[in-house]
Amino acid sequence: QVQLVESGGGLVQAGGSLRLSCAASGSISNINTMGWYRQAPGKQRELVAAIIRDGSTNYADSVKGRFTISRDDAKNTVYLQMNSLKPEDTGVYFCAINNLGMIYWGQGIQVTVSS
């Protein structure tokens, strides 16, 4: 069993910052990809950012230059630093990991950006 626990969400004004964390526990072994997705009301879930074990990263165009993804493999944790937040960044943010070919999801955490 693998569990993912997200933290760090909340309400922030436009232009503000938040840092999301996602800690994985359980039967963890050599996590390859770790990522963050988000789902806005009435929209499909979309990839926000991903980071591979070698440190390579990938970002959605809408967050490039504002968000930074990082990971701490010693803690099995992935982070998402979100700066210059916009109201359109509002949504439920989910972390996901690829562990030995299996995809695991967190329960999601709300991020609300007020204008």
C-alpha atoms as a PDB file:
ATOM      1  CA  GLN A   1       0.000   0.000   0.000  1.00  0.00           C
ATOM      2  CA  VAL A   2       1.113   3.523  -0.827  1.00  0.00           C
ATOM      3  CA  GLN A   3      -0.345   6.632   0.757  1.00  0.00           C
ATOM      4  CA  LEU A   4       0.089  10.211  -0.393  1.00  0.00           C
ATOM      5  CA  VAL A   5      -0.716  13.093   1.926  1.00  0.00           C
ATOM      6  CA  GLU A   6      -0.883  16.633   0.564  1.00  0.00           C
ATOM      7  CA  SER A   7      -0.579  19.790   2.634  1.00  0.00           C
ATOM      8  CA  GLY A   8      -0.123  23.521   2.199  1.00  0.00           C
ATOM      9  CA  GLY A   9      -3.252  24.536   0.351  1.00  0.00           C
ATOM     10  CA  GLY A  10      -5.601  27.318   1.332  1.00  0.00           C
ATOM     11  CA  LEU A  11      -6.909  30.742   0.422  1.00  0.00           C
ATOM     12  CA  VAL A  12      -4.582  33.430  -0.896  1.00  0.00           C
ATOM     13  CA  GLN A  13      -4.974  36.741  -2.658  1.00  0.00           C
ATOM     14  CA  ALA A  14      -3.911  37.171  -6.262  1.00  0.00           C
ATOM     15  CA  GLY A  15      -0.188  37.775  -6.461  1.00  0.00           C
ATOM     16  CA  GLY A  16       0.455  35.729  -3.354  1.00  0.00           C
ATOM     17  CA  SER A  17       2.319  32.478  -2.856  1.00  0.00           C
ATOM     18  CA  LEU A  18       1.665  29.000  -1.531  1.00  0.00           C
ATOM     19  CA  ARG A  19       3.842  25.930  -1.152  1.00  0.00           C
ATOM     20  CA  LEU A  20       2.269  22.514  -1.529  1.00  0.00           C
ATOM     21  CA  SER A  21       3.855  19.377  -0.136  1.00  0.00           C
ATOM     22  CA  CYS A  22       3.047  15.745  -0.782  1.00  0.00           C
ATOM     23  CA  ALA A  23       4.588  13.013   1.318  1.00  0.00           C
ATOM     24  CA  ALA A  24       4.483   9.406   0.164  1.00  0.00           C
ATOM     25  CA  SER A  25       4.615   6.493   2.566  1.00  0.00           C
ATOM     26  CA  GLY A  26       4.122   2.745   2.554  1.00  0.00           C
ATOM     27  CA  SER A  27       5.599   0.345   0.016  1.00  0.00           C
ATOM     28  CA  ILE A  28       7.803   2.922  -1.661  1.00  0.00           C
ATOM     29  CA  SER A  29      10.713   1.927  -3.839  1.00  0.00           C
ATOM     30  CA  ASN A  30      12.576   4.111  -6.307  1.00  0.00           C
ATOM     31  CA  ILE A  31       9.845   6.579  -7.253  1.00  0.00           C
ATOM     32  CA  ASN A  32      10.362   7.585 -10.868  1.00  0.00           C
ATOM     33  CA  THR A  33       8.018  10.463 -11.663  1.00  0.00           C
ATOM     34  CA  MET A  34       6.322  12.754  -9.169  1.00  0.00           C
ATOM     35  CA  GLY A  35       3.833  15.356 -10.252  1.00  0.00           C
ATOM     36  CA  TRP A  36       1.071  17.780  -9.467  1.00  0.00           C
ATOM     37  CA  TYR A  37      -2.264  17.998 -11.239  1.00  0.00           C
ATOM     38  CA  ARG A  38      -5.184  20.330 -10.703  1.00  0.00           C
ATOM     39  CA  GLN A  39      -8.868  20.304 -11.416  1.00  0.00           C
ATOM     40  CA  ALA A  40     -10.914  23.482 -11.601  1.00  0.00           C
ATOM     41  CA  PRO A  41     -14.705  23.377 -11.198  1.00  0.00           C
ATOM     42  CA  GLY A  42     -16.312  22.053 -14.356  1.00  0.00           C
ATOM     43  CA  LYS A  43     -12.977  21.287 -15.992  1.00  0.00           C
ATOM     44  CA  GLN A  44     -10.874  18.208 -16.560  1.00  0.00           C
ATOM     45  CA  ARG A  45      -7.882  17.395 -14.420  1.00  0.00           C
ATOM     46  CA  GLU A  46      -4.718  18.790 -15.980  1.00  0.00           C
ATOM     47  CA  LEU A  47      -1.003  18.359 -15.419  1.00  0.00           C
ATOM     48  CA  VAL A  48       0.596  21.313 -13.644  1.00  0.00           C
ATOM     49  CA  ALA A  49       4.161  20.104 -13.221  1.00  0.00           C
ATOM     50  CA  ALA A  50       6.168  16.899 -13.084  1.00  0.00           C
ATOM     51  CA  ILE A  51       9.670  15.952 -12.040  1.00  0.00           C
ATOM     52  CA  ILE A  52      11.595  12.842 -12.959  1.00  0.00           C
ATOM     53  CA  ARG A  53      14.113  11.130 -10.719  1.00  0.00           C
ATOM     54  CA  ASP A  54      17.029  12.675 -12.637  1.00  0.00           C
ATOM     55  CA  GLY A  55      15.669  16.132 -11.876  1.00  0.00           C
ATOM     56  CA  SER A  56      14.141  16.867 -15.272  1.00  0.00           C
ATOM     57  CA  THR A  57      10.978  18.921 -15.019  1.00  0.00           C
ATOM     58  CA  ASN A  58       7.948  19.661 -17.138  1.00  0.00           C
ATOM     59  CA  TYR A  59       5.440  22.483 -16.642  1.00  0.00           C
ATOM     60  CA  ALA A  60       2.115  23.494 -18.078  1.00  0.00           C
ATOM     61  CA  ASP A  61       2.517  26.634 -20.170  1.00  0.00           C
ATOM     62  CA  SER A  62       0.119  28.489 -17.874  1.00  0.00           C
ATOM     63  CA  VAL A  63       2.432  28.132 -14.859  1.00  0.00           C
ATOM     64  CA  LYS A  64       5.881  28.428 -16.403  1.00  0.00           C
ATOM     65  CA  GLY A  65       7.960  31.058 -14.653  1.00  0.00           C
ATOM     66  CA  ARG A  66       5.606  31.135 -11.649  1.00  0.00           C
ATOM     67  CA  PHE A  67       5.604  27.580 -10.244  1.00  0.00           C
ATOM     68  CA  THR A  68       8.569  25.425  -9.284  1.00  0.00           C
ATOM     69  CA  ILE A  69       8.410  21.701  -8.624  1.00  0.00           C
ATOM     70  CA  SER A  70      11.054  19.959  -6.541  1.00  0.00           C
ATOM     71  CA  ARG A  71      11.520  16.654  -4.741  1.00  0.00           C
ATOM     72  CA  ASP A  72      13.327  15.234  -1.749  1.00  0.00           C
ATOM     73  CA  ASP A  73      13.864  11.547  -2.360  1.00  0.00           C
ATOM     74  CA  ALA A  74      15.163  10.976   1.164  1.00  0.00           C
ATOM     75  CA  LYS A  75      11.734  12.032   2.409  1.00  0.00           C
ATOM     76  CA  ASN A  76       9.709  10.681  -0.540  1.00  0.00           C
ATOM     77  CA  THR A  77       8.221  14.148  -0.818  1.00  0.00           C
ATOM     78  CA  VAL A  78       7.390  16.394  -3.741  1.00  0.00           C
ATOM     79  CA  TYR A  79       6.849  20.134  -3.452  1.00  0.00           C
ATOM     80  CA  LEU A  80       5.177  22.771  -5.577  1.00  0.00           C
ATOM     81  CA  GLN A  81       6.160  26.367  -4.932  1.00  0.00           C
ATOM     82  CA  MET A  82       3.488  28.602  -6.423  1.00  0.00           C
ATOM     83  CA  ASN A  83       4.238  32.297  -6.828  1.00  0.00           C
ATOM     84  CA  SER A  84       2.356  35.160  -8.473  1.00  0.00           C
ATOM     85  CA  LEU A  85      -0.867  33.222  -8.083  1.00  0.00           C
ATOM     86  CA  LYS A  86      -3.827  34.123 -10.255  1.00  0.00           C
ATOM     87  CA  PRO A  87      -7.554  33.470  -9.749  1.00  0.00           C
ATOM     88  CA  GLU A  88      -7.396  30.979 -12.622  1.00  0.00           C
ATOM     89  CA  ASP A  89      -5.015  28.862 -10.526  1.00  0.00           C
ATOM     90  CA  THR A  90      -7.946  28.035  -8.255  1.00  0.00           C
ATOM     91  CA  GLY A  91      -8.788  24.358  -8.039  1.00  0.00           C
ATOM     92  CA  VAL A  92      -8.144  21.100  -6.278  1.00  0.00           C
ATOM     93  CA  TYR A  93      -4.507  20.093  -6.545  1.00  0.00           C
ATOM     94  CA  PHE A  94      -3.567  16.417  -6.589  1.00  0.00           C
ATOM     95  CA  CYS A  95      -0.144  14.898  -6.307  1.00  0.00           C
ATOM     96  CA  ALA A  96       0.686  11.699  -8.126  1.00  0.00           C
ATOM     97  CA  ILE A  97       3.651   9.372  -8.196  1.00  0.00           C
ATOM     98  CA  ASN A  98       4.838   6.577 -10.423  1.00  0.00           C
ATOM     99  CA  ASN A  99       6.221   3.879  -8.167  1.00  0.00           C
ATOM    100  CA  LEU A 100       7.417   0.711  -9.888  1.00  0.00           C
ATOM    101  CA  GLY A 101       5.074   1.352 -12.785  1.00  0.00           C
ATOM    102  CA  MET A 102       1.997   1.942 -10.636  1.00  0.00           C
ATOM    103  CA  ILE A 103       0.347   5.368 -10.415  1.00  0.00           C
ATOM    104  CA  TYR A 104      -0.832   6.565  -7.021  1.00  0.00           C
ATOM    105  CA  TRP A 105      -2.882   9.668  -6.275  1.00  0.00           C
ATOM    106  CA  GLY A 106      -3.296  11.884  -3.258  1.00  0.00           C
ATOM    107  CA  GLN A 107      -6.717  12.863  -1.994  1.00  0.00           C
ATOM    108  CA  GLY A 108      -6.429  16.417  -3.293  1.00  0.00           C
ATOM    109  CA  ILE A 109      -6.102  19.766  -1.590  1.00  0.00           C
ATOM    110  CA  GLN A 110      -7.982  22.983  -2.283  1.00  0.00           C
ATOM    111  CA  VAL A 111      -6.209  26.096  -3.521  1.00  0.00           C
ATOM    112  CA  THR A 112      -8.319  29.232  -3.836  1.00  0.00           C
ATOM    113  CA  VAL A 113      -6.956  32.473  -5.239  1.00  0.00           C
ATOM    114  CA  SER A 114      -9.119  35.523  -4.694  1.00  0.00           C
ATOM    115  CA  SER A 115      -9.023  38.532  -7.004  1.00  0.00           C
END
